[in-house]
Amino acid sequence: MMTTVGLTGGIGSGKTTIANLFASQFSIPIYIADTKAKELIAQKDSLQKEIKSLLGEQAFVDGKYNTAFVAGIVFSDQTKLEALNQLIHPYVQEDFLQWKQNQHSPYVIKESAILFESGSYKDCDYIITVTAPLEERIRRVILRDKIDRKTIEKRIKNQWNDENKIKLSTFVIDNRDFDRNLDKIQTIHCKIMEMIDENAEN
């Protein structure tokens, strides 16, 4: 069974940058769960019906996912956010397992902003959490997404904090210094390969 490495981090931590380094430096296949979730929402009629049932018909406008409407509800209502995640997660997990079967490498990386919140961390053999100072994360997201600070803070509030993620993580990458990232992921890659070899021998 191929090893699954979960990669997560709070909004603005730079987890996608880290994932891309694993892909470019070591040819590790990367599954971006957040991107795939959006694709599945657009493709799956059954999922769309479930989301409408939870959040209302306005969740879709002219057949397209109304992200602003949905975000306005779920980031102000923890119960609705958790319910939405639980609707989407099974579709993403099924898609991930199908994708994984077609990969040919010692391990794959599943990158997800809500790896812990969705419960999918339980299906990972190892977990990498990417961290960065709060103010730096907020600055990055303002520049990247052109959204206001209050909106970002709402989203951060609905994610697990770094302390809780770190407790359940195999590796932690402090992503405040981009220049050192290559060394960090090289060390982690080598350690993962060692652990895979050790498990194969046992």
N, C-alpha and C. Protein backbone atom coordinates (compact mmCIF):
# COMPACT_ATOMS: atom_id res chain seq x y z
N MET A 1 0.85 -1.20 0.00
CA MET A 1 0.00 0.00 0.00
C MET A 1 0.88 1.25 0.00
N MET A 2 0.65 2.12 -0.97
CA MET A 2 1.47 3.33 -1.07
C MET A 2 1.26 4.25 0.13
N THR A 3 2.34 4.85 0.59
CA THR A 3 2.30 5.74 1.75
C THR A 3 1.63 7.07 1.39
N THR A 4 0.77 7.56 2.28
CA THR A 4 0.12 8.85 2.11
C THR A 4 0.66 9.83 3.15
N VAL A 5 1.15 10.96 2.67
CA VAL A 5 1.63 12.02 3.55
C VAL A 5 0.65 13.19 3.45
N GLY A 6 0.04 13.54 4.56
CA GLY A 6 -0.85 14.69 4.59
C GLY A 6 -0.05 15.96 4.78
N LEU A 7 -0.41 17.01 4.07
CA LEU A 7 0.27 18.29 4.22
C LEU A 7 -0.79 19.35 4.45
N THR A 8 -0.65 20.08 5.53
CA THR A 8 -1.66 21.08 5.87
C THR A 8 -1.01 22.31 6.50
N GLY A 9 -1.84 23.29 6.75
CA GLY A 9 -1.38 24.53 7.37
C GLY A 9 -2.51 25.53 7.30
N GLY A 10 -2.49 26.51 8.17
CA GLY A 10 -3.53 27.52 8.18
C GLY A 10 -3.49 28.37 6.92
N ILE A 11 -4.57 29.09 6.67
CA ILE A 11 -4.64 29.98 5.51
C ILE A 11 -3.45 30.94 5.52
N GLY A 12 -2.77 31.02 4.37
CA GLY A 12 -1.63 31.92 4.25
C GLY A 12 -0.32 31.37 4.77
N SER A 13 -0.31 30.11 5.19
CA SER A 13 0.93 29.54 5.74
C SER A 13 1.94 29.20 4.64
N GLY A 14 1.45 29.03 3.42
CA GLY A 14 2.35 28.70 2.31
C GLY A 14 2.44 27.21 2.02
N LYS A 15 1.41 26.46 2.38
CA LYS A 15 1.46 25.01 2.21
C LYS A 15 1.54 24.59 0.75
N THR A 16 0.88 25.32 -0.15
CA THR A 16 0.94 24.97 -1.57
C THR A 16 2.34 25.18 -2.12
N THR A 17 3.02 26.20 -1.66
CA THR A 17 4.42 26.44 -2.06
C THR A 17 5.29 25.27 -1.63
N ILE A 18 5.08 24.80 -0.43
CA ILE A 18 5.84 23.65 0.08
C ILE A 18 5.52 22.40 -0.74
N ALA A 19 4.24 22.17 -1.01
CA ALA A 19 3.83 21.01 -1.81
C ALA A 19 4.49 21.04 -3.18
N ASN A 20 4.52 22.21 -3.79
CA ASN A 20 5.12 22.33 -5.12
C ASN A 20 6.62 22.03 -5.11
N LEU A 21 7.28 22.31 -4.01
CA LEU A 21 8.71 21.98 -3.89
C LEU A 21 8.92 20.47 -3.86
N PHE A 22 8.06 19.76 -3.14
CA PHE A 22 8.15 18.29 -3.14
C PHE A 22 7.97 17.74 -4.55
N ALA A 23 7.04 18.35 -5.30
CA ALA A 23 6.78 17.90 -6.67
C ALA A 23 7.96 18.21 -7.59
N SER A 24 8.48 19.42 -7.50
CA SER A 24 9.54 19.83 -8.43
C SER A 24 10.90 19.22 -8.09
N GLN A 25 11.19 19.05 -6.81
CA GLN A 25 12.50 18.55 -6.41
C GLN A 25 12.59 17.03 -6.37
N PHE A 26 11.48 16.37 -6.01
CA PHE A 26 11.53 14.91 -5.81
C PHE A 26 10.48 14.15 -6.62
N SER A 27 9.77 14.85 -7.51
CA SER A 27 8.75 14.24 -8.38
C SER A 27 7.68 13.48 -7.58
N ILE A 28 7.34 14.03 -6.41
CA ILE A 28 6.29 13.42 -5.59
C ILE A 28 4.93 13.90 -6.10
N PRO A 29 4.00 12.99 -6.41
CA PRO A 29 2.67 13.40 -6.86
C PRO A 29 1.92 14.14 -5.76
N ILE A 30 1.30 15.24 -6.13
CA ILE A 30 0.59 16.08 -5.16
C ILE A 30 -0.90 16.12 -5.51
N TYR A 31 -1.73 15.83 -4.52
CA TYR A 31 -3.18 15.94 -4.67
C TYR A 31 -3.63 17.15 -3.88
N ILE A 32 -4.13 18.17 -4.58
CA ILE A 32 -4.58 19.41 -3.92
C ILE A 32 -6.06 19.26 -3.60
N ALA A 33 -6.38 18.88 -2.39
CA ALA A 33 -7.77 18.55 -2.02
C ALA A 33 -8.71 19.75 -2.17
N ASP A 34 -8.25 20.94 -1.84
CA ASP A 34 -9.12 22.12 -1.90
C ASP A 34 -9.53 22.42 -3.34
N THR A 35 -8.59 22.31 -4.27
CA THR A 35 -8.88 22.53 -5.69
C THR A 35 -9.83 21.45 -6.21
N LYS A 36 -9.54 20.21 -5.84
CA LYS A 36 -10.36 19.09 -6.30
C LYS A 36 -11.79 19.20 -5.74
N ALA A 37 -11.92 19.68 -4.51
CA ALA A 37 -13.26 19.83 -3.93
C ALA A 37 -14.11 20.78 -4.78
N LYS A 38 -13.50 21.87 -5.24
CA LYS A 38 -14.23 22.83 -6.09
C LYS A 38 -14.66 22.17 -7.40
N GLU A 39 -13.77 21.35 -7.97
CA GLU A 39 -14.11 20.66 -9.22
C GLU A 39 -15.26 19.68 -9.00
N LEU A 40 -15.22 18.95 -7.89
CA LEU A 40 -16.26 17.96 -7.61
C LEU A 40 -17.61 18.63 -7.35
N ILE A 41 -17.58 19.78 -6.68
CA ILE A 41 -18.82 20.53 -6.45
C ILE A 41 -19.44 20.94 -7.79
N ALA A 42 -18.59 21.31 -8.75
CA ALA A 42 -19.07 21.74 -10.06
C ALA A 42 -19.59 20.55 -10.88
N GLN A 43 -19.05 19.36 -10.61
CA GLN A 43 -19.36 18.19 -11.46
C GLN A 43 -20.48 17.31 -10.91
N LYS A 44 -20.60 17.21 -9.60
CA LYS A 44 -21.48 16.20 -9.00
C LYS A 44 -22.85 16.78 -8.64
N ASP A 45 -23.86 16.36 -9.39
CA ASP A 45 -25.23 16.84 -9.12
C ASP A 45 -25.70 16.43 -7.72
N SER A 46 -25.31 15.22 -7.31
CA SER A 46 -25.75 14.74 -5.99
C SER A 46 -25.17 15.60 -4.87
N LEU A 47 -23.94 16.04 -5.04
CA LEU A 47 -23.31 16.90 -4.03
C LEU A 47 -23.96 18.28 -4.04
N GLN A 48 -24.26 18.78 -5.21
CA GLN A 48 -24.93 20.08 -5.30
C GLN A 48 -26.28 20.06 -4.57
N LYS A 49 -27.02 18.98 -4.75
CA LYS A 49 -28.32 18.85 -4.07
C LYS A 49 -28.16 18.86 -2.56
N GLU A 50 -27.12 18.16 -2.08
CA GLU A 50 -26.88 18.09 -0.64
C GLU A 50 -26.50 19.47 -0.08
N ILE A 51 -25.71 20.21 -0.84
CA ILE A 51 -25.29 21.55 -0.40
C ILE A 51 -26.50 22.50 -0.39
N LYS A 52 -27.34 22.40 -1.42
CA LYS A 52 -28.55 23.24 -1.46
C LYS A 52 -29.47 22.92 -0.28
N SER A 53 -29.55 21.64 0.04
CA SER A 53 -30.40 21.23 1.17
C SER A 53 -29.89 21.80 2.48
N LEU A 54 -28.57 21.90 2.59
CA LEU A 54 -27.96 22.42 3.82
C LEU A 54 -28.01 23.95 3.89
N LEU A 55 -27.68 24.61 2.77
CA LEU A 55 -27.47 26.06 2.80
C LEU A 55 -28.51 26.87 2.04
N GLY A 56 -29.35 26.20 1.24
CA GLY A 56 -30.36 26.92 0.48
C GLY A 56 -30.02 26.98 -1.00
N GLU A 57 -31.05 27.27 -1.81
CA GLU A 57 -30.90 27.30 -3.26
C GLU A 57 -29.87 28.33 -3.72
N GLN A 58 -29.68 29.39 -2.92
CA GLN A 58 -28.74 30.45 -3.31
C GLN A 58 -27.28 30.01 -3.29
N ALA A 59 -27.04 28.79 -2.82
CA ALA A 59 -25.68 28.26 -2.84
C ALA A 59 -25.16 28.10 -4.27
N PHE A 60 -26.09 28.07 -5.22
CA PHE A 60 -25.71 28.00 -6.63
C PHE A 60 -26.49 29.04 -7.41
N VAL A 61 -25.80 29.75 -8.29
CA VAL A 61 -26.43 30.75 -9.14
C VAL A 61 -26.13 30.40 -10.59
N ASP A 62 -27.17 30.17 -11.36
CA ASP A 62 -27.00 29.75 -12.77
C ASP A 62 -26.10 28.52 -12.87
N GLY A 63 -26.27 27.62 -11.91
CA GLY A 63 -25.52 26.37 -11.93
C GLY A 63 -24.11 26.45 -11.38
N LYS A 64 -23.69 27.65 -10.99
CA LYS A 64 -22.32 27.82 -10.48
C LYS A 64 -22.33 28.03 -8.97
N TYR A 65 -21.31 27.48 -8.33
CA TYR A 65 -21.18 27.56 -6.87
C TYR A 65 -21.02 29.01 -6.45
N ASN A 66 -21.90 29.45 -5.56
CA ASN A 66 -21.90 30.84 -5.10
C ASN A 66 -21.00 30.93 -3.86
N THR A 67 -19.70 31.02 -4.11
CA THR A 67 -18.73 30.94 -3.01
C THR A 67 -18.88 32.08 -2.01
N ALA A 68 -19.23 33.27 -2.49
CA ALA A 68 -19.38 34.40 -1.57
C ALA A 68 -20.56 34.16 -0.62
N PHE A 69 -21.65 33.65 -1.15
CA PHE A 69 -22.83 33.36 -0.34
C PHE A 69 -22.52 32.26 0.68
N VAL A 70 -21.88 31.20 0.20
CA VAL A 70 -21.55 30.07 1.08
C VAL A 70 -20.59 30.50 2.18
N ALA A 71 -19.55 31.24 1.80
CA ALA A 71 -18.57 31.70 2.79
C ALA A 71 -19.23 32.59 3.84
N GLY A 72 -20.16 33.43 3.40
CA GLY A 72 -20.86 34.32 4.33
C GLY A 72 -21.62 33.56 5.40
N ILE A 73 -22.11 32.38 5.04
CA ILE A 73 -22.84 31.56 6.02
C ILE A 73 -21.88 30.75 6.90
N VAL A 74 -21.02 29.96 6.25
CA VAL A 74 -20.26 28.96 7.01
C VAL A 74 -19.16 29.55 7.89
N PHE A 75 -18.60 30.69 7.48
CA PHE A 75 -17.54 31.27 8.32
C PHE A 75 -18.09 32.09 9.47
N SER A 76 -19.43 32.14 9.54
CA SER A 76 -20.09 32.77 10.69
C SER A 76 -20.85 31.74 11.53
N ASP A 77 -20.80 30.49 11.10
CA ASP A 77 -21.57 29.43 11.76
C ASP A 77 -20.76 28.14 11.74
N GLN A 78 -20.10 27.85 12.85
CA GLN A 78 -19.22 26.68 12.94
C GLN A 78 -19.96 25.38 12.63
N THR A 79 -21.20 25.27 13.07
CA THR A 79 -21.98 24.05 12.84
C THR A 79 -22.23 23.83 11.36
N LYS A 80 -22.58 24.91 10.65
CA LYS A 80 -22.82 24.82 9.20
C LYS A 80 -21.51 24.49 8.47
N LEU A 81 -20.40 25.07 8.91
CA LEU A 81 -19.10 24.80 8.29
C LEU A 81 -18.74 23.32 8.43
N GLU A 82 -18.91 22.79 9.63
CA GLU A 82 -18.61 21.38 9.85
C GLU A 82 -19.52 20.48 9.02
N ALA A 83 -20.79 20.85 8.94
CA ALA A 83 -21.74 20.06 8.15
C ALA A 83 -21.37 20.08 6.66
N LEU A 84 -20.96 21.23 6.17
CA LEU A 84 -20.54 21.34 4.77
C LEU A 84 -19.31 20.48 4.51
N ASN A 85 -18.33 20.57 5.40
CA ASN A 85 -17.12 19.76 5.26
C ASN A 85 -17.45 18.27 5.22
N GLN A 86 -18.39 17.86 6.06
CA GLN A 86 -18.76 16.44 6.12
C GLN A 86 -19.50 16.00 4.86
N LEU A 87 -20.16 16.92 4.17
CA LEU A 87 -20.79 16.59 2.89
C LEU A 87 -19.75 16.39 1.80
N ILE A 88 -18.78 17.29 1.76
CA ILE A 88 -17.80 17.30 0.68
C ILE A 88 -16.73 16.23 0.86
N HIS A 89 -16.34 15.98 2.11
CA HIS A 89 -15.20 15.10 2.39
C HIS A 89 -15.30 13.71 1.75
N PRO A 90 -16.44 13.00 1.83
CA PRO A 90 -16.49 11.66 1.23
C PRO A 90 -16.22 11.65 -0.28
N TYR A 91 -16.70 12.69 -0.97
CA TYR A 91 -16.46 12.80 -2.41
C TYR A 91 -14.97 12.99 -2.70
N VAL A 92 -14.34 13.85 -1.91
CA VAL A 92 -12.91 14.11 -2.09
C VAL A 92 -12.10 12.86 -1.76
N GLN A 93 -12.46 12.19 -0.68
CA GLN A 93 -11.73 10.99 -0.27
C GLN A 93 -11.82 9.89 -1.34
N GLU A 94 -13.00 9.70 -1.90
CA GLU A 94 -13.17 8.69 -2.95
C GLU A 94 -12.33 9.04 -4.18
N ASP A 95 -12.34 10.33 -4.55
CA ASP A 95 -11.57 10.79 -5.70
C ASP A 95 -10.07 10.63 -5.44
N PHE A 96 -9.65 10.95 -4.23
CA PHE A 96 -8.24 10.82 -3.86
C PHE A 96 -7.77 9.37 -3.97
N LEU A 97 -8.56 8.44 -3.48
CA LEU A 97 -8.17 7.02 -3.51
C LEU A 97 -8.07 6.52 -4.95
N GLN A 98 -8.96 6.98 -5.82
CA GLN A 98 -8.89 6.60 -7.23
C GLN A 98 -7.62 7.19 -7.87
N TRP A 99 -7.34 8.45 -7.56
CA TRP A 99 -6.13 9.12 -8.08
C TRP A 99 -4.88 8.40 -7.60
N LYS A 100 -4.86 8.04 -6.33
CA LYS A 100 -3.68 7.41 -5.73
C LYS A 100 -3.34 6.09 -6.41
N GLN A 101 -4.35 5.35 -6.83
CA GLN A 101 -4.13 4.06 -7.49
C GLN A 101 -3.34 4.20 -8.79
N ASN A 102 -3.38 5.38 -9.38
CA ASN A 102 -2.72 5.61 -10.67
C ASN A 102 -1.33 6.24 -10.54
N GLN A 103 -0.87 6.40 -9.29
CA GLN A 103 0.44 7.02 -9.06
C GLN A 103 1.51 5.94 -8.90
N HIS A 104 2.73 6.31 -9.26
CA HIS A 104 3.84 5.36 -9.17
C HIS A 104 5.03 6.06 -8.51
N SER A 105 5.01 6.10 -7.22
CA SER A 105 6.09 6.74 -6.46
C SER A 105 6.09 6.13 -5.06
N PRO A 106 7.16 6.34 -4.28
CA PRO A 106 7.21 5.76 -2.94
C PRO A 106 6.09 6.29 -2.03
N TYR A 107 5.71 7.55 -2.25
CA TYR A 107 4.61 8.13 -1.47
C TYR A 107 3.94 9.25 -2.26
N VAL A 108 2.76 9.61 -1.82
CA VAL A 108 2.04 10.75 -2.41
C VAL A 108 1.75 11.75 -1.30
N ILE A 109 1.53 12.99 -1.70
CA ILE A 109 1.16 14.03 -0.73
C ILE A 109 -0.26 14.49 -1.00
N LYS A 110 -1.06 14.48 0.06
CA LYS A 110 -2.41 15.03 0.00
C LYS A 110 -2.40 16.37 0.73
N GLU A 111 -2.50 17.44 -0.04
CA GLU A 111 -2.47 18.78 0.56
C GLU A 111 -3.90 19.25 0.80
N SER A 112 -4.19 19.63 2.03
CA SER A 112 -5.54 20.07 2.38
C SER A 112 -5.50 21.09 3.50
N ALA A 113 -6.24 22.19 3.31
CA ALA A 113 -6.32 23.21 4.36
C ALA A 113 -7.05 22.68 5.59
N ILE A 114 -7.98 21.73 5.35
CA ILE A 114 -8.80 21.22 6.46
C ILE A 114 -8.52 19.73 6.70
N LEU A 115 -7.27 19.36 6.60
CA LEU A 115 -6.88 17.96 6.80
C LEU A 115 -7.35 17.46 8.17
N PHE A 116 -7.18 18.28 9.19
CA PHE A 116 -7.60 17.90 10.55
C PHE A 116 -9.10 18.11 10.73
N GLU A 117 -9.60 19.24 10.27
CA GLU A 117 -11.00 19.58 10.49
C GLU A 117 -11.94 18.57 9.82
N SER A 118 -11.53 18.03 8.67
CA SER A 118 -12.37 17.07 7.94
C SER A 118 -12.23 15.65 8.47
N GLY A 119 -11.17 15.43 9.27
CA GLY A 119 -10.92 14.08 9.78
C GLY A 119 -10.05 13.24 8.87
N SER A 120 -9.68 13.78 7.69
CA SER A 120 -8.92 12.97 6.74
C SER A 120 -7.48 12.73 7.17
N TYR A 121 -7.03 13.44 8.20
CA TYR A 121 -5.68 13.18 8.71
C TYR A 121 -5.55 11.74 9.23
N LYS A 122 -6.68 11.15 9.62
CA LYS A 122 -6.67 9.78 10.15
C LYS A 122 -6.28 8.77 9.08
N ASP A 123 -6.42 9.14 7.81
CA ASP A 123 -6.08 8.24 6.71
C ASP A 123 -4.65 8.43 6.22
N CYS A 124 -3.90 9.30 6.87
CA CYS A 124 -2.52 9.59 6.44
C CYS A 124 -1.52 8.82 7.31
N ASP A 125 -0.44 8.39 6.66
CA ASP A 125 0.62 7.69 7.40
C ASP A 125 1.51 8.67 8.16
N TYR A 126 1.77 9.80 7.54
CA TYR A 126 2.57 10.86 8.17
C TYR A 126 1.92 12.21 7.84
N ILE A 127 2.19 13.20 8.67
CA ILE A 127 1.58 14.51 8.47
C ILE A 127 2.64 15.61 8.59
N ILE A 128 2.60 16.53 7.62
CA ILE A 128 3.45 17.71 7.64
C ILE A 128 2.56 18.92 7.87
N THR A 129 2.84 19.70 8.90
CA THR A 129 2.11 20.95 9.13
C THR A 129 3.04 22.12 8.84
N VAL A 130 2.55 23.06 8.04
CA VAL A 130 3.30 24.26 7.67
C VAL A 130 2.79 25.42 8.53
N THR A 131 3.70 26.12 9.16
CA THR A 131 3.33 27.24 10.02
C THR A 131 3.99 28.53 9.54
N ALA A 132 3.45 29.64 9.99
CA ALA A 132 4.03 30.96 9.74
C ALA A 132 3.39 31.91 10.75
N PRO A 133 4.08 33.00 11.09
CA PRO A 133 3.50 33.96 12.04
C PRO A 133 2.15 34.49 11.54
N LEU A 134 1.24 34.71 12.48
CA LEU A 134 -0.12 35.12 12.13
C LEU A 134 -0.16 36.36 11.25
N GLU A 135 0.58 37.39 11.62
CA GLU A 135 0.55 38.64 10.85
C GLU A 135 1.09 38.44 9.44
N GLU A 136 2.08 37.58 9.31
CA GLU A 136 2.64 37.29 7.99
C GLU A 136 1.61 36.55 7.14
N ARG A 137 0.87 35.63 7.75
CA ARG A 137 -0.17 34.89 7.03
C ARG A 137 -1.27 35.83 6.54
N ILE A 138 -1.70 36.72 7.42
CA ILE A 138 -2.75 37.68 7.05
C ILE A 138 -2.27 38.57 5.90
N ARG A 139 -1.02 39.02 5.98
CA ARG A 139 -0.46 39.89 4.93
C ARG A 139 -0.46 39.16 3.58
N ARG A 140 -0.03 37.88 3.61
CA ARG A 140 0.02 37.09 2.36
C ARG A 140 -1.36 36.94 1.74
N VAL A 141 -2.38 36.66 2.58
CA VAL A 141 -3.72 36.41 2.04
C VAL A 141 -4.34 37.70 1.50
N ILE A 142 -4.09 38.83 2.17
CA ILE A 142 -4.59 40.11 1.68
C ILE A 142 -4.02 40.38 0.28
N LEU A 143 -2.73 40.12 0.12
CA LEU A 143 -2.07 40.34 -1.18
C LEU A 143 -2.57 39.35 -2.23
N ARG A 144 -2.73 38.10 -1.82
CA ARG A 144 -3.10 37.03 -2.76
C ARG A 144 -4.56 37.09 -3.19
N ASP A 145 -5.46 37.23 -2.21
CA ASP A 145 -6.90 37.09 -2.49
C ASP A 145 -7.64 38.41 -2.55
N LYS A 146 -6.94 39.50 -2.19
CA LYS A 146 -7.56 40.83 -2.21
C LYS A 146 -8.84 40.88 -1.36
N ILE A 147 -8.76 40.26 -0.17
CA ILE A 147 -9.89 40.31 0.75
C ILE A 147 -9.47 41.03 2.03
N ASP A 148 -10.45 41.47 2.80
CA ASP A 148 -10.13 42.31 3.96
C ASP A 148 -9.71 41.46 5.16
N ARG A 149 -9.07 42.12 6.09
CA ARG A 149 -8.52 41.46 7.27
C ARG A 149 -9.60 40.73 8.09
N LYS A 150 -10.76 41.38 8.24
CA LYS A 150 -11.83 40.79 9.06
C LYS A 150 -12.28 39.45 8.50
N THR A 151 -12.39 39.36 7.18
CA THR A 151 -12.79 38.11 6.52
C THR A 151 -11.75 37.02 6.76
N ILE A 152 -10.49 37.39 6.66
CA ILE A 152 -9.40 36.43 6.88
C ILE A 152 -9.43 35.93 8.33
N GLU A 153 -9.61 36.85 9.26
CA GLU A 153 -9.62 36.46 10.68
C GLU A 153 -10.78 35.51 10.99
N LYS A 154 -11.92 35.70 10.32
CA LYS A 154 -13.05 34.78 10.49
C LYS A 154 -12.67 33.38 10.05
N ARG A 155 -11.98 33.29 8.93
CA ARG A 155 -11.59 31.98 8.39
C ARG A 155 -10.55 31.32 9.30
N ILE A 156 -9.62 32.11 9.79
CA ILE A 156 -8.60 31.57 10.69
C ILE A 156 -9.25 31.02 11.96
N LYS A 157 -10.24 31.74 12.45
CA LYS A 157 -10.93 31.33 13.68
C LYS A 157 -11.60 29.97 13.53
N ASN A 158 -11.99 29.62 12.29
CA ASN A 158 -12.68 28.36 12.04
C ASN A 158 -11.73 27.21 11.70
N GLN A 159 -10.43 27.49 11.71
CA GLN A 159 -9.45 26.42 11.48
C GLN A 159 -8.80 26.04 12.81
N TRP A 160 -8.32 24.81 12.87
CA TRP A 160 -7.55 24.40 14.06
C TRP A 160 -6.35 25.32 14.21
N ASN A 161 -5.97 25.60 15.46
CA ASN A 161 -4.77 26.42 15.65
C ASN A 161 -3.52 25.55 15.46
N ASP A 162 -2.38 26.22 15.26
CA ASP A 162 -1.14 25.49 14.98
C ASP A 162 -0.75 24.54 16.11
N GLU A 163 -1.00 24.95 17.34
CA GLU A 163 -0.60 24.11 18.48
C GLU A 163 -1.27 22.74 18.42
N ASN A 164 -2.57 22.72 18.11
CA ASN A 164 -3.29 21.45 18.03
C ASN A 164 -2.85 20.62 16.82
N LYS A 165 -2.55 21.29 15.71
CA LYS A 165 -2.08 20.57 14.53
C LYS A 165 -0.71 19.94 14.79
N ILE A 166 0.17 20.70 15.42
CA ILE A 166 1.53 20.23 15.67
C ILE A 166 1.55 18.98 16.54
N LYS A 167 0.63 18.91 17.50
CA LYS A 167 0.56 17.73 18.38
C LYS A 167 0.35 16.44 17.61
N LEU A 168 -0.34 16.53 16.48
CA LEU A 168 -0.68 15.33 15.69
C LEU A 168 0.17 15.21 14.42
N SER A 169 1.22 16.02 14.32
CA SER A 169 2.03 16.04 13.11
C SER A 169 3.35 15.28 13.27
N THR A 170 3.80 14.71 12.17
CA THR A 170 5.09 14.03 12.15
C THR A 170 6.22 15.03 11.94
N PHE A 171 5.94 16.02 11.09
CA PHE A 171 6.94 17.05 10.77
C PHE A 171 6.27 18.43 10.80
N VAL A 172 7.07 19.45 11.12
CA VAL A 172 6.57 20.83 11.11
C VAL A 172 7.57 21.67 10.32
N ILE A 173 7.05 22.47 9.40
CA ILE A 173 7.89 23.39 8.63
C ILE A 173 7.51 24.82 9.00
N ASP A 174 8.45 25.55 9.57
CA ASP A 174 8.26 26.97 9.86
C ASP A 174 8.55 27.72 8.56
N ASN A 175 7.51 28.26 7.95
CA ASN A 175 7.63 28.82 6.60
C ASN A 175 7.78 30.34 6.60
N ARG A 176 8.52 30.86 7.56
CA ARG A 176 8.73 32.31 7.55
C ARG A 176 9.96 32.67 6.70
N ASP A 177 10.79 31.66 6.40
CA ASP A 177 12.03 31.91 5.65
C ASP A 177 12.06 31.02 4.42
N PHE A 178 11.61 31.55 3.28
CA PHE A 178 11.50 30.77 2.05
C PHE A 178 12.86 30.20 1.61
N ASP A 179 13.94 30.91 1.89
CA ASP A 179 15.27 30.49 1.42
C ASP A 179 15.72 29.17 2.04
N ARG A 180 15.17 28.84 3.19
CA ARG A 180 15.59 27.61 3.86
C ARG A 180 14.66 26.43 3.59
N ASN A 181 13.60 26.67 2.83
CA ASN A 181 12.61 25.62 2.61
C ASN A 181 13.15 24.39 1.91
N LEU A 182 14.04 24.60 0.94
CA LEU A 182 14.58 23.47 0.18
C LEU A 182 15.32 22.51 1.09
N ASP A 183 16.12 23.05 1.99
CA ASP A 183 16.85 22.20 2.95
C ASP A 183 15.87 21.45 3.85
N LYS A 184 14.81 22.15 4.27
CA LYS A 184 13.84 21.52 5.17
C LYS A 184 13.13 20.35 4.49
N ILE A 185 12.66 20.57 3.26
CA ILE A 185 11.91 19.49 2.62
C ILE A 185 12.83 18.35 2.20
N GLN A 186 14.09 18.66 1.92
CA GLN A 186 15.04 17.58 1.59
C GLN A 186 15.24 16.67 2.80
N THR A 187 15.35 17.28 3.97
CA THR A 187 15.49 16.50 5.21
C THR A 187 14.26 15.64 5.46
N ILE A 188 13.08 16.25 5.27
CA ILE A 188 11.82 15.52 5.50
C ILE A 188 11.65 14.40 4.48
N HIS A 189 11.95 14.69 3.22
CA HIS A 189 11.84 13.66 2.17
C HIS A 189 12.72 12.45 2.52
N CYS A 190 13.96 12.72 2.91
CA CYS A 190 14.88 11.63 3.25
C CYS A 190 14.36 10.82 4.44
N LYS A 191 13.80 11.51 5.42
CA LYS A 191 13.27 10.83 6.61
C LYS A 191 12.06 9.97 6.25
N ILE A 192 11.18 10.49 5.39
CA ILE A 192 10.01 9.71 4.96
C ILE A 192 10.47 8.46 4.23
N MET A 193 11.46 8.60 3.34
CA MET A 193 11.97 7.44 2.59
C MET A 193 12.56 6.41 3.55
N GLU A 194 13.25 6.88 4.57
CA GLU A 194 13.81 5.97 5.58
C GLU A 194 12.70 5.20 6.29
N MET A 195 11.66 5.91 6.69
CA MET A 195 10.56 5.28 7.42
C MET A 195 9.81 4.28 6.53
N ILE A 196 9.67 4.61 5.25
CA ILE A 196 9.02 3.69 4.33
C ILE A 196 9.85 2.41 4.21
N ASP A 197 11.17 2.57 4.09
CA ASP A 197 12.06 1.40 3.99
C ASP A 197 12.01 0.56 5.25
N GLU A 198 11.98 1.22 6.40
CA GLU A 198 11.92 0.50 7.68
C GLU A 198 10.63 -0.31 7.78
N ASN A 199 9.52 0.30 7.39
CA ASN A 199 8.23 -0.39 7.44
C ASN A 199 8.18 -1.57 6.48
N ALA A 200 8.86 -1.43 5.34
CA ALA A 200 8.87 -2.53 4.36
C ALA A 200 9.64 -3.72 4.88
N GLU A 201 10.66 -3.45 5.70
CA GLU A 201 11.49 -4.53 6.26
C GLU A 201 10.80 -5.25 7.40
N ASN A 202 9.90 -4.54 8.11
CA ASN A 202 9.24 -5.13 9.28
C ASN A 202 8.05 -6.04 8.89
